[in-house]
Every structure is written in C-alpha cells, then in structure tokens.
Amino acid sequence: LCNVATGDVTLSESYERELSDETTKPLYHKVQSIDKILINEIRNGLQLKYGEKYIRSMFQDYTDHIVKIALDLEVFENDDIHKHDLSVNEWRINEWKKTDSYLYTLEI
C-alpha cells in the first residue's frame, strides 16, 4: 500500500518478515531507493495535474524496464548504466524468476 502524498509504503506483516531477512534486507533497500524516485516523479505529476493516463504510463514504463532487464532485452547507453540497473533490481528480478508469471513470459 503506497501513500502517494508522502511516498511511504506499508507492507503486510508476512511480507515485512520476509524482507527483514539479513540477506534480503540490503537488496530490498536498493529497490526501495529506486522506487522512491519513481514515486516522487508520480507525486510531481499529480501536483502538476497530469492525468491518469500519464500516471499509469509511468508505472507501465517502469515495469517494462525491469522486465526487459530480466530478459536481457533492455538497451542501455553504456555498460555502467546496465550494471547499475541490474544490481538495483537484482532482488526483484530473482524473486520474479521464481513465479509462474516469469515462466509464462518465457513461453510467449
């Protein structure tokens, strides 16, 4: 659950327990840092009275970017940007790879 006004994210107790694992915690903090940038951009769009289509497209672009990184389809300006984006999203990508959704994506 995300409070768009503050950018704070509320997690379920079970998800919070999973993320408090010492191995997962630093990886999740990386994800949080990049997610906060997205939420701030969305908040700015809301303040500027951008419409729902714009806000939805920001989430879609962000998700597409992560999926393309996971599938090694994303094009980067240079190797440093690729390494950075991959390292920031590594945990998220590895968790997605454990799901049926990932297997279905590979079949398409």
PDB file of N, CA and C in Angstrom:
ATOM      1  N   LEU A   1       0.850  -1.169   0.000  1.00  0.00           N
ATOM      2  CA  LEU A   1       0.000   0.000   0.000  1.00  0.00           C
ATOM      3  C   LEU A   1       0.892   1.226   0.000  1.00  0.00           C
ATOM      4  N   CYS A   2       0.669   2.140  -0.912  1.00  0.00           N
ATOM      5  CA  CYS A   2       1.515   3.330  -1.021  1.00  0.00           C
ATOM      6  C   CYS A   2       0.698   4.584  -0.755  1.00  0.00           C
ATOM      7  N   ASN A   3       1.197   5.425   0.142  1.00  0.00           N
ATOM      8  CA  ASN A   3       0.606   6.730   0.395  1.00  0.00           C
ATOM      9  C   ASN A   3       1.257   7.693  -0.588  1.00  0.00           C
ATOM     10  N   VAL A   4       0.532   8.062  -1.620  1.00  0.00           N
ATOM     11  CA  VAL A   4       1.106   8.900  -2.671  1.00  0.00           C
ATOM     12  C   VAL A   4       1.483  10.275  -2.132  1.00  0.00           C
ATOM     13  N   ALA A   5       0.781  10.768  -1.138  1.00  0.00           N
ATOM     14  CA  ALA A   5       1.091  12.085  -0.583  1.00  0.00           C
ATOM     15  C   ALA A   5       2.456  12.123   0.094  1.00  0.00           C
ATOM     16  N   THR A   6       2.831  11.028   0.753  1.00  0.00           N
ATOM     17  CA  THR A   6       4.108  11.008   1.482  1.00  0.00           C
ATOM     18  C   THR A   6       5.163  10.132   0.819  1.00  0.00           C
ATOM     19  N   GLY A   7       4.725   9.208  -0.037  1.00  0.00           N
ATOM     20  CA  GLY A   7       5.656   8.267  -0.647  1.00  0.00           C
ATOM     21  C   GLY A   7       5.948   7.061   0.228  1.00  0.00           C
ATOM     22  N   ASP A   8       5.313   7.003   1.405  1.00  0.00           N
ATOM     23  CA  ASP A   8       5.534   5.879   2.319  1.00  0.00           C
ATOM     24  C   ASP A   8       4.790   4.634   1.829  1.00  0.00           C
ATOM     25  N   VAL A   9       5.454   3.500   1.988  1.00  0.00           N
ATOM     26  CA  VAL A   9       4.870   2.225   1.586  1.00  0.00           C
ATOM     27  C   VAL A   9       4.619   1.394   2.833  1.00  0.00           C
ATOM     28  N   THR A  10       3.410   0.859   2.963  1.00  0.00           N
ATOM     29  CA  THR A  10       3.045  -0.003   4.077  1.00  0.00           C
ATOM     30  C   THR A  10       2.997  -1.442   3.564  1.00  0.00           C
ATOM     31  N   LEU A  11       3.726  -2.321   4.242  1.00  0.00           N
ATOM     32  CA  LEU A  11       3.802  -3.723   3.839  1.00  0.00           C
ATOM     33  C   LEU A  11       3.005  -4.593   4.800  1.00  0.00           C
ATOM     34  N   SER A  12       2.537  -5.728   4.294  1.00  0.00           N
ATOM     35  CA  SER A  12       1.860  -6.683   5.163  1.00  0.00           C
ATOM     36  C   SER A  12       2.893  -7.258   6.134  1.00  0.00           C
ATOM     37  N   GLU A  13       2.420  -7.787   7.249  1.00  0.00           N
ATOM     38  CA  GLU A  13       3.322  -8.346   8.258  1.00  0.00           C
ATOM     39  C   GLU A  13       4.156  -9.495   7.701  1.00  0.00           C
ATOM     40  N   SER A  14       3.529 -10.373   6.934  1.00  0.00           N
ATOM     41  CA  SER A  14       4.273 -11.519   6.400  1.00  0.00           C
ATOM     42  C   SER A  14       5.335 -11.070   5.400  1.00  0.00           C
ATOM     43  N   TYR A  15       5.009 -10.097   4.584  1.00  0.00           N
ATOM     44  CA  TYR A  15       5.979  -9.589   3.609  1.00  0.00           C
ATOM     45  C   TYR A  15       7.114  -8.851   4.325  1.00  0.00           C
ATOM     46  N   GLU A  16       6.775  -8.115   5.363  1.00  0.00           N
ATOM     47  CA  GLU A  16       7.788  -7.409   6.145  1.00  0.00           C
ATOM     48  C   GLU A  16       8.754  -8.394   6.809  1.00  0.00           C
ATOM     49  N   ARG A  17       8.226  -9.504   7.324  1.00  0.00           N
ATOM     50  CA  ARG A  17       9.090 -10.541   7.914  1.00  0.00           C
ATOM     51  C   ARG A  17      10.044 -11.114   6.871  1.00  0.00           C
ATOM     52  N   GLU A  18       9.519 -11.376   5.691  1.00  0.00           N
ATOM     53  CA  GLU A  18      10.347 -11.914   4.612  1.00  0.00           C
ATOM     54  C   GLU A  18      11.465 -10.945   4.233  1.00  0.00           C
ATOM     55  N   LEU A  19      11.155  -9.666   4.218  1.00  0.00           N
ATOM     56  CA  LEU A  19      12.140  -8.654   3.822  1.00  0.00           C
ATOM     57  C   LEU A  19      13.122  -8.312   4.930  1.00  0.00           C
ATOM     58  N   SER A  20      12.863  -8.747   6.144  1.00  0.00           N
ATOM     59  CA  SER A  20      13.772  -8.437   7.248  1.00  0.00           C
ATOM     60  C   SER A  20      14.926  -9.429   7.342  1.00  0.00           C
ATOM     61  N   ASP A  21      14.897 -10.469   6.525  1.00  0.00           N
ATOM     62  CA  ASP A  21      15.995 -11.434   6.467  1.00  0.00           C
ATOM     63  C   ASP A  21      17.296 -10.687   6.140  1.00  0.00           C
ATOM     64  N   GLU A  22      18.378 -11.044   6.811  1.00  0.00           N
ATOM     65  CA  GLU A  22      19.651 -10.327   6.667  1.00  0.00           C
ATOM     66  C   GLU A  22      20.205 -10.369   5.245  1.00  0.00           C
ATOM     67  N   THR A  23      19.894 -11.403   4.495  1.00  0.00           N
ATOM     68  CA  THR A  23      20.343 -11.481   3.107  1.00  0.00           C
ATOM     69  C   THR A  23      19.492 -10.597   2.208  1.00  0.00           C
ATOM     70  N   THR A  24      18.206 -10.597   2.454  1.00  0.00           N
ATOM     71  CA  THR A  24      17.263  -9.865   1.618  1.00  0.00           C
ATOM     72  C   THR A  24      17.251  -8.372   1.915  1.00  0.00           C
ATOM     73  N   LYS A  25      17.446  -8.007   3.166  1.00  0.00           N
ATOM     74  CA  LYS A  25      17.307  -6.619   3.598  1.00  0.00           C
ATOM     75  C   LYS A  25      18.115  -5.618   2.761  1.00  0.00           C
ATOM     76  N   PRO A  26      19.424  -5.821   2.552  1.00  0.00           N
ATOM     77  CA  PRO A  26      20.175  -4.837   1.765  1.00  0.00           C
ATOM     78  C   PRO A  26      19.713  -4.769   0.305  1.00  0.00           C
ATOM     79  N   LEU A  27      19.305  -5.904  -0.248  1.00  0.00           N
ATOM     80  CA  LEU A  27      18.817  -5.907  -1.625  1.00  0.00           C
ATOM     81  C   LEU A  27      17.505  -5.146  -1.735  1.00  0.00           C
ATOM     82  N   TYR A  28      16.636  -5.341  -0.739  1.00  0.00           N
ATOM     83  CA  TYR A  28      15.357  -4.630  -0.743  1.00  0.00           C
ATOM     84  C   TYR A  28      15.566  -3.128  -0.572  1.00  0.00           C
ATOM     85  N   HIS A  29      16.539  -2.732   0.214  1.00  0.00           N
ATOM     86  CA  HIS A  29      16.819  -1.295   0.386  1.00  0.00           C
ATOM     87  C   HIS A  29      17.238  -0.658  -0.938  1.00  0.00           C
ATOM     88  N   LYS A  30      17.959  -1.390  -1.770  1.00  0.00           N
ATOM     89  CA  LYS A  30      18.313  -0.880  -3.097  1.00  0.00           C
ATOM     90  C   LYS A  30      17.050  -0.640  -3.917  1.00  0.00           C
ATOM     91  N   VAL A  31      16.148  -1.608  -3.884  1.00  0.00           N
ATOM     92  CA  VAL A  31      14.892  -1.492  -4.621  1.00  0.00           C
ATOM     93  C   VAL A  31      14.094  -0.292  -4.115  1.00  0.00           C
ATOM     94  N   GLN A  32      14.036  -0.144  -2.811  1.00  0.00           N
ATOM     95  CA  GLN A  32      13.300   0.976  -2.225  1.00  0.00           C
ATOM     96  C   GLN A  32      13.850   2.322  -2.700  1.00  0.00           C
ATOM     97  N   SER A  33      15.158   2.436  -2.781  1.00  0.00           N
ATOM     98  CA  SER A  33      15.752   3.714  -3.170  1.00  0.00           C
ATOM     99  C   SER A  33      15.332   4.112  -4.579  1.00  0.00           C
ATOM    100  N   ILE A  34      15.303   3.173  -5.482  1.00  0.00           N
ATOM    101  CA  ILE A  34      14.909   3.479  -6.857  1.00  0.00           C
ATOM    102  C   ILE A  34      13.397   3.666  -6.965  1.00  0.00           C
ATOM    103  N   ASP A  35      12.638   2.913  -6.174  1.00  0.00           N
ATOM    104  CA  ASP A  35      11.179   3.073  -6.171  1.00  0.00           C
ATOM    105  C   ASP A  35      10.774   4.452  -5.663  1.00  0.00           C
ATOM    106  N   LYS A  36      11.499   4.973  -4.694  1.00  0.00           N
ATOM    107  CA  LYS A  36      11.177   6.306  -4.154  1.00  0.00           C
ATOM    108  C   LYS A  36      11.329   7.383  -5.219  1.00  0.00           C
ATOM    109  N   ILE A  37      12.285   7.195  -6.116  1.00  0.00           N
ATOM    110  CA  ILE A  37      12.451   8.149  -7.220  1.00  0.00           C
ATOM    111  C   ILE A  37      11.205   8.128  -8.103  1.00  0.00           C
ATOM    112  N   LEU A  38      10.723   6.935  -8.431  1.00  0.00           N
ATOM    113  CA  LEU A  38       9.507   6.814  -9.234  1.00  0.00           C
ATOM    114  C   LEU A  38       8.319   7.464  -8.530  1.00  0.00           C
ATOM    115  N   ILE A  39       8.138   7.169  -7.258  1.00  0.00           N
ATOM    116  CA  ILE A  39       7.004   7.729  -6.512  1.00  0.00           C
ATOM    117  C   ILE A  39       7.093   9.254  -6.476  1.00  0.00           C
ATOM    118  N   ASN A  40       8.285   9.798  -6.316  1.00  0.00           N
ATOM    119  CA  ASN A  40       8.441  11.259  -6.329  1.00  0.00           C
ATOM    120  C   ASN A  40       8.072  11.842  -7.690  1.00  0.00           C
ATOM    121  N   GLU A  41       8.452  11.165  -8.757  1.00  0.00           N
ATOM    122  CA  GLU A  41       8.073  11.628 -10.093  1.00  0.00           C
ATOM    123  C   GLU A  41       6.555  11.582 -10.269  1.00  0.00           C
ATOM    124  N   ILE A  42       5.939  10.542  -9.744  1.00  0.00           N
ATOM    125  CA  ILE A  42       4.484  10.425  -9.830  1.00  0.00           C
ATOM    126  C   ILE A  42       3.815  11.525  -9.010  1.00  0.00           C
ATOM    127  N   ARG A  43       4.337  11.774  -7.817  1.00  0.00           N
ATOM    128  CA  ARG A  43       3.785  12.859  -6.992  1.00  0.00           C
ATOM    129  C   ARG A  43       3.889  14.196  -7.705  1.00  0.00           C
ATOM    130  N   ASN A  44       5.018  14.426  -8.349  1.00  0.00           N
ATOM    131  CA  ASN A  44       5.168  15.674  -9.110  1.00  0.00           C
ATOM    132  C   ASN A  44       4.137  15.755 -10.225  1.00  0.00           C
ATOM    133  N   GLY A  45       3.916  14.637 -10.917  1.00  0.00           N
ATOM    134  CA  GLY A  45       2.906  14.603 -11.963  1.00  0.00           C
ATOM    135  C   GLY A  45       1.514  14.887 -11.434  1.00  0.00           C
ATOM    136  N   LEU A  46       1.208  14.357 -10.266  1.00  0.00           N
ATOM    137  CA  LEU A  46      -0.096  14.625  -9.650  1.00  0.00           C
ATOM    138  C   LEU A  46      -0.241  16.091  -9.278  1.00  0.00           C
ATOM    139  N   GLN A  47       0.816  16.677  -8.740  1.00  0.00           N
ATOM    140  CA  GLN A  47       0.777  18.094  -8.378  1.00  0.00           C
ATOM    141  C   GLN A  47       0.609  18.986  -9.600  1.00  0.00           C
ATOM    142  N   LEU A  48       1.162  18.544 -10.729  1.00  0.00           N
ATOM    143  CA  LEU A  48       1.038  19.306 -11.964  1.00  0.00           C
ATOM    144  C   LEU A  48      -0.259  18.982 -12.711  1.00  0.00           C
ATOM    145  N   LYS A  49      -1.112  18.171 -12.059  1.00  0.00           N
ATOM    146  CA  LYS A  49      -2.432  17.804 -12.584  1.00  0.00           C
ATOM    147  C   LYS A  49      -2.364  16.966 -13.857  1.00  0.00           C
ATOM    148  N   TYR A  50      -1.295  16.145 -13.981  1.00  0.00           N
ATOM    149  CA  TYR A  50      -1.225  15.215 -15.096  1.00  0.00           C
ATOM    150  C   TYR A  50      -2.327  14.183 -14.917  1.00  0.00           C
ATOM    151  N   GLY A  51      -2.833  13.700 -15.991  1.00  0.00           N
ATOM    152  CA  GLY A  51      -3.960  12.781 -15.943  1.00  0.00           C
ATOM    153  C   GLY A  51      -3.578  11.361 -15.577  1.00  0.00           C
ATOM    154  N   GLU A  52      -4.619  10.560 -15.413  1.00  0.00           N
ATOM    155  CA  GLU A  52      -4.445   9.160 -15.034  1.00  0.00           C
ATOM    156  C   GLU A  52      -3.618   8.397 -16.073  1.00  0.00           C
ATOM    157  N   LYS A  53      -3.811   8.726 -17.343  1.00  0.00           N
ATOM    158  CA  LYS A  53      -3.079   8.040 -18.406  1.00  0.00           C
ATOM    159  C   LYS A  53      -1.567   8.232 -18.226  1.00  0.00           C
ATOM    160  N   TYR A  54      -1.153   9.425 -17.874  1.00  0.00           N
ATOM    161  CA  TYR A  54       0.269   9.707 -17.655  1.00  0.00           C
ATOM    162  C   TYR A  54       0.809   8.902 -16.473  1.00  0.00           C
ATOM    163  N   ILE A  55       0.064   8.906 -15.373  1.00  0.00           N
ATOM    164  CA  ILE A  55       0.493   8.197 -14.166  1.00  0.00           C
ATOM    165  C   ILE A  55       0.593   6.692 -14.448  1.00  0.00           C
ATOM    166  N   ARG A  56      -0.416   6.147 -15.109  1.00  0.00           N
ATOM    167  CA  ARG A  56      -0.387   4.724 -15.458  1.00  0.00           C
ATOM    168  C   ARG A  56       0.796   4.399 -16.365  1.00  0.00           C
ATOM    169  N   SER A  57       1.089   5.292 -17.298  1.00  0.00           N
ATOM    170  CA  SER A  57       2.193   5.037 -18.226  1.00  0.00           C
ATOM    171  C   SER A  57       3.534   5.040 -17.496  1.00  0.00           C
ATOM    172  N   MET A  58       3.657   5.821 -16.435  1.00  0.00           N
ATOM    173  CA  MET A  58       4.901   5.820 -15.665  1.00  0.00           C
ATOM    174  C   MET A  58       5.121   4.457 -14.999  1.00  0.00           C
ATOM    175  N   PHE A  59       4.069   3.901 -14.406  1.00  0.00           N
ATOM    176  CA  PHE A  59       4.169   2.564 -13.803  1.00  0.00           C
ATOM    177  C   PHE A  59       4.461   1.518 -14.877  1.00  0.00           C
ATOM    178  N   GLN A  60       3.788   1.632 -16.010  1.00  0.00           N
ATOM    179  CA  GLN A  60       3.983   0.664 -17.094  1.00  0.00           C
ATOM    180  C   GLN A  60       5.414   0.723 -17.634  1.00  0.00           C
ATOM    181  N   ASP A  61       5.926   1.930 -17.844  1.00  0.00           N
ATOM    182  CA  ASP A  61       7.299   2.080 -18.344  1.00  0.00           C
ATOM    183  C   ASP A  61       8.308   1.502 -17.361  1.00  0.00           C
ATOM    184  N   TYR A  62       8.071   1.745 -16.094  1.00  0.00           N
ATOM    185  CA  TYR A  62       8.965   1.247 -15.043  1.00  0.00           C
ATOM    186  C   TYR A  62       8.967  -0.281 -15.010  1.00  0.00           C
ATOM    187  N   THR A  63       7.770  -0.847 -15.086  1.00  0.00           N
ATOM    188  CA  THR A  63       7.644  -2.307 -15.091  1.00  0.00           C
ATOM    189  C   THR A  63       8.274  -2.904 -16.348  1.00  0.00           C
ATOM    190  N   ASP A  64       8.014  -2.290 -17.489  1.00  0.00           N
ATOM    191  CA  ASP A  64       8.607  -2.767 -18.746  1.00  0.00           C
ATOM    192  C   ASP A  64      10.133  -2.749 -18.679  1.00  0.00           C
ATOM    193  N   HIS A  65      10.678  -1.703 -18.102  1.00  0.00           N
ATOM    194  CA  HIS A  65      12.134  -1.574 -17.969  1.00  0.00           C
ATOM    195  C   HIS A  65      12.710  -2.743 -17.159  1.00  0.00           C
ATOM    196  N   ILE A  66      12.075  -3.059 -16.050  1.00  0.00           N
ATOM    197  CA  ILE A  66      12.551  -4.151 -15.189  1.00  0.00           C
ATOM    198  C   ILE A  66      12.414  -5.501 -15.899  1.00  0.00           C
ATOM    199  N   VAL A  67      11.291  -5.701 -16.574  1.00  0.00           N
ATOM    200  CA  VAL A  67      11.089  -6.962 -17.305  1.00  0.00           C
ATOM    201  C   VAL A  67      12.128  -7.110 -18.404  1.00  0.00           C
ATOM    202  N   LYS A  68      12.399  -6.041 -19.134  1.00  0.00           N
ATOM    203  CA  LYS A  68      13.400  -6.102 -20.197  1.00  0.00           C
ATOM    204  C   LYS A  68      14.800  -6.354 -19.650  1.00  0.00           C
ATOM    205  N   ILE A  69      15.097  -5.805 -18.480  1.00  0.00           N
ATOM    206  CA  ILE A  69      16.389  -6.096 -17.851  1.00  0.00           C
ATOM    207  C   ILE A  69      16.464  -7.589 -17.533  1.00  0.00           C
ATOM    208  N   ALA A  70      15.400  -8.108 -16.944  1.00  0.00           N
ATOM    209  CA  ALA A  70      15.373  -9.526 -16.551  1.00  0.00           C
ATOM    210  C   ALA A  70      15.529 -10.455 -17.747  1.00  0.00           C
ATOM    211  N   LEU A  71      14.964 -10.065 -18.872  1.00  0.00           N
ATOM    212  CA  LEU A  71      15.005 -10.897 -20.068  1.00  0.00           C
ATOM    213  C   LEU A  71      16.190 -10.546 -20.970  1.00  0.00           C
ATOM    214  N   ASP A  72      17.029  -9.648 -20.498  1.00  0.00           N
ATOM    215  CA  ASP A  72      18.212  -9.195 -21.242  1.00  0.00           C
ATOM    216  C   ASP A  72      17.831  -8.613 -22.604  1.00  0.00           C
ATOM    217  N   LEU A  73      16.742  -7.834 -22.612  1.00  0.00           N
ATOM    218  CA  LEU A  73      16.267  -7.191 -23.832  1.00  0.00           C
ATOM    219  C   LEU A  73      16.412  -5.674 -23.787  1.00  0.00           C
ATOM    220  N   GLU A  74      16.748  -5.131 -22.628  1.00  0.00           N
ATOM    221  CA  GLU A  74      16.844  -3.672 -22.475  1.00  0.00           C
ATOM    222  C   GLU A  74      18.119  -3.165 -23.135  1.00  0.00           C
ATOM    223  N   VAL A  75      17.999  -2.013 -23.782  1.00  0.00           N
ATOM    224  CA  VAL A  75      19.157  -1.370 -24.420  1.00  0.00           C
ATOM    225  C   VAL A  75      19.624  -0.241 -23.501  1.00  0.00           C
ATOM    226  N   PHE A  76      20.916  -0.243 -23.212  1.00  0.00           N
ATOM    227  CA  PHE A  76      21.495   0.764 -22.335  1.00  0.00           C
ATOM    228  C   PHE A  76      22.510   1.599 -23.087  1.00  0.00           C
ATOM    229  N   GLU A  77      22.664   2.843 -22.646  1.00  0.00           N
ATOM    230  CA  GLU A  77      23.644   3.741 -23.277  1.00  0.00           C
ATOM    231  C   GLU A  77      25.065   3.230 -23.085  1.00  0.00           C
ATOM    232  N   ASN A  78      25.319   2.657 -21.903  1.00  0.00           N
ATOM    233  CA  ASN A  78      26.657   2.121 -21.651  1.00  0.00           C
ATOM    234  C   ASN A  78      26.579   1.011 -20.608  1.00  0.00           C
ATOM    235  N   ASP A  79      27.696   0.335 -20.443  1.00  0.00           N
ATOM    236  CA  ASP A  79      27.752  -0.822 -19.550  1.00  0.00           C
ATOM    237  C   ASP A  79      27.565  -0.447 -18.083  1.00  0.00           C
ATOM    238  N   ASP A  80      28.013   0.750 -17.691  1.00  0.00           N
ATOM    239  CA  ASP A  80      27.861   1.186 -16.296  1.00  0.00           C
ATOM    240  C   ASP A  80      26.388   1.324 -15.909  1.00  0.00           C
ATOM    241  N   ILE A  81      25.600   1.890 -16.812  1.00  0.00           N
ATOM    242  CA  ILE A  81      24.158   2.030 -16.539  1.00  0.00           C
ATOM    243  C   ILE A  81      23.512   0.650 -16.454  1.00  0.00           C
ATOM    244  N   HIS A  82      23.907  -0.238 -17.344  1.00  0.00           N
ATOM    245  CA  HIS A  82      23.378  -1.610 -17.316  1.00  0.00           C
ATOM    246  C   HIS A  82      23.692  -2.289 -15.992  1.00  0.00           C
ATOM    247  N   LYS A  83      24.939  -2.217 -15.566  1.00  0.00           N
ATOM    248  CA  LYS A  83      25.347  -2.842 -14.298  1.00  0.00           C
ATOM    249  C   LYS A  83      24.585  -2.249 -13.127  1.00  0.00           C
ATOM    250  N   HIS A  84      24.424  -0.928 -13.124  1.00  0.00           N
ATOM    251  CA  HIS A  84      23.707  -0.262 -12.029  1.00  0.00           C
ATOM    252  C   HIS A  84      22.254  -0.722 -11.964  1.00  0.00           C
ATOM    253  N   ASP A  85      21.555  -0.641 -13.098  1.00  0.00           N
ATOM    254  CA  ASP A  85      20.138  -1.013 -13.115  1.00  0.00           C
ATOM    255  C   ASP A  85      19.932  -2.486 -12.778  1.00  0.00           C
ATOM    256  N   LEU A  86      20.835  -3.321 -13.252  1.00  0.00           N
ATOM    257  CA  LEU A  86      20.739  -4.740 -12.929  1.00  0.00           C
ATOM    258  C   LEU A  86      20.967  -4.974 -11.442  1.00  0.00           C
ATOM    259  N   SER A  87      21.954  -4.318 -10.857  1.00  0.00           N
ATOM    260  CA  SER A  87      22.235  -4.531  -9.428  1.00  0.00           C
ATOM    261  C   SER A  87      21.107  -4.002  -8.550  1.00  0.00           C
ATOM    262  N   VAL A  88      20.525  -2.874  -8.930  1.00  0.00           N
ATOM    263  CA  VAL A  88      19.431  -2.314  -8.141  1.00  0.00           C
ATOM    264  C   VAL A  88      18.207  -3.221  -8.176  1.00  0.00           C
ATOM    265  N   ASN A  89      17.958  -3.826  -9.316  1.00  0.00           N
ATOM    266  CA  ASN A  89      16.754  -4.645  -9.483  1.00  0.00           C
ATOM    267  C   ASN A  89      17.000  -6.141  -9.355  1.00  0.00           C
ATOM    268  N   GLU A  90      18.198  -6.524  -8.986  1.00  0.00           N
ATOM    269  CA  GLU A  90      18.570  -7.938  -8.912  1.00  0.00           C
ATOM    270  C   GLU A  90      17.614  -8.751  -8.034  1.00  0.00           C
ATOM    271  N   TRP A  91      17.342  -8.257  -6.840  1.00  0.00           N
ATOM    272  CA  TRP A  91      16.460  -8.987  -5.931  1.00  0.00           C
ATOM    273  C   TRP A  91      15.068  -9.148  -6.533  1.00  0.00           C
ATOM    274  N   ARG A  92      14.537  -8.067  -7.049  1.00  0.00           N
ATOM    275  CA  ARG A  92      13.190  -8.091  -7.627  1.00  0.00           C
ATOM    276  C   ARG A  92      13.136  -9.077  -8.792  1.00  0.00           C
ATOM    277  N   ILE A  93      14.135  -9.052  -9.639  1.00  0.00           N
ATOM    278  CA  ILE A  93      14.178  -9.948 -10.793  1.00  0.00           C
ATOM    279  C   ILE A  93      14.289 -11.402 -10.346  1.00  0.00           C
ATOM    280  N   ASN A  94      15.147 -11.669  -9.381  1.00  0.00           N
ATOM    281  CA  ASN A  94      15.308 -13.044  -8.892  1.00  0.00           C
ATOM    282  C   ASN A  94      14.032 -13.569  -8.252  1.00  0.00           C
ATOM    283  N   GLU A  95      13.311 -12.719  -7.557  1.00  0.00           N
ATOM    284  CA  GLU A  95      12.029 -13.138  -6.973  1.00  0.00           C
ATOM    285  C   GLU A  95      11.009 -13.416  -8.065  1.00  0.00           C
ATOM    286  N   TRP A  96      10.996 -12.589  -9.090  1.00  0.00           N
ATOM    287  CA  TRP A  96      10.059 -12.789 -10.195  1.00  0.00           C
ATOM    288  C   TRP A  96      10.357 -14.096 -10.917  1.00  0.00           C
ATOM    289  N   LYS A  97      11.622 -14.435 -11.048  1.00  0.00           N
ATOM    290  CA  LYS A  97      12.006 -15.662 -11.745  1.00  0.00           C
ATOM    291  C   LYS A  97      11.488 -16.923 -11.049  1.00  0.00           C
ATOM    292  N   LYS A  98      11.062 -16.805  -9.802  1.00  0.00           N
ATOM    293  CA  LYS A  98      10.515 -17.941  -9.054  1.00  0.00           C
ATOM    294  C   LYS A  98       9.020 -18.130  -9.292  1.00  0.00           C
ATOM    295  N   THR A  99       8.410 -17.293 -10.118  1.00  0.00           N
ATOM    296  CA  THR A  99       6.955 -17.314 -10.270  1.00  0.00           C
ATOM    297  C   THR A  99       6.507 -17.933 -11.591  1.00  0.00           C
ATOM    298  N   ASP A 100       5.235 -18.308 -11.623  1.00  0.00           N
ATOM    299  CA  ASP A 100       4.626 -18.796 -12.858  1.00  0.00           C
ATOM    300  C   ASP A 100       4.576 -17.685 -13.905  1.00  0.00           C
ATOM    301  N   SER A 101       4.417 -16.465 -13.464  1.00  0.00           N
ATOM    302  CA  SER A 101       4.368 -15.324 -14.375  1.00  0.00           C
ATOM    303  C   SER A 101       5.648 -15.247 -15.208  1.00  0.00           C
ATOM    304  N   TYR A 102       6.780 -15.471 -14.588  1.00  0.00           N
ATOM    305  CA  TYR A 102       8.055 -15.452 -15.318  1.00  0.00           C
ATOM    306  C   TYR A 102       8.101 -16.581 -16.341  1.00  0.00           C
ATOM    307  N   LEU A 103       7.692 -17.779 -15.930  1.00  0.00           N
ATOM    308  CA  LEU A 103       7.696 -18.919 -16.865  1.00  0.00           C
ATOM    309  C   LEU A 103       6.763 -18.672 -18.035  1.00  0.00           C
ATOM    310  N   TYR A 104       5.617 -18.064 -17.766  1.00  0.00           N
ATOM    311  CA  TYR A 104       4.672 -17.740 -18.825  1.00  0.00           C
ATOM    312  C   TYR A 104       5.288 -16.723 -19.790  1.00  0.00           C
ATOM    313  N   THR A 105       5.996 -15.747 -19.259  1.00  0.00           N
ATOM    314  CA  THR A 105       6.642 -14.731 -20.090  1.00  0.00           C
ATOM    315  C   THR A 105       7.663 -15.359 -21.021  1.00  0.00           C
ATOM    316  N   LEU A 106       8.377 -16.348 -20.533  1.00  0.00           N
ATOM    317  CA  LEU A 106       9.371 -17.038 -21.369  1.00  0.00           C
ATOM    318  C   LEU A 106       8.735 -17.817 -22.508  1.00  0.00           C
ATOM    319  N   GLU A 107       7.491 -18.278 -22.293  1.00  0.00           N
ATOM    320  CA  GLU A 107       6.786 -19.064 -23.307  1.00  0.00           C
ATOM    321  C   GLU A 107       6.262 -18.209 -24.455  1.00  0.00           C
ATOM    322  N   ILE A 108       6.075 -16.941 -24.197  1.00  0.00           N
ATOM    323  CA  ILE A 108       5.466 -16.053 -25.215  1.00  0.00           C
ATOM    324  C   ILE A 108       6.403 -15.824 -26.363  1.00  0.00           C
TER     325      ILE A 108
END
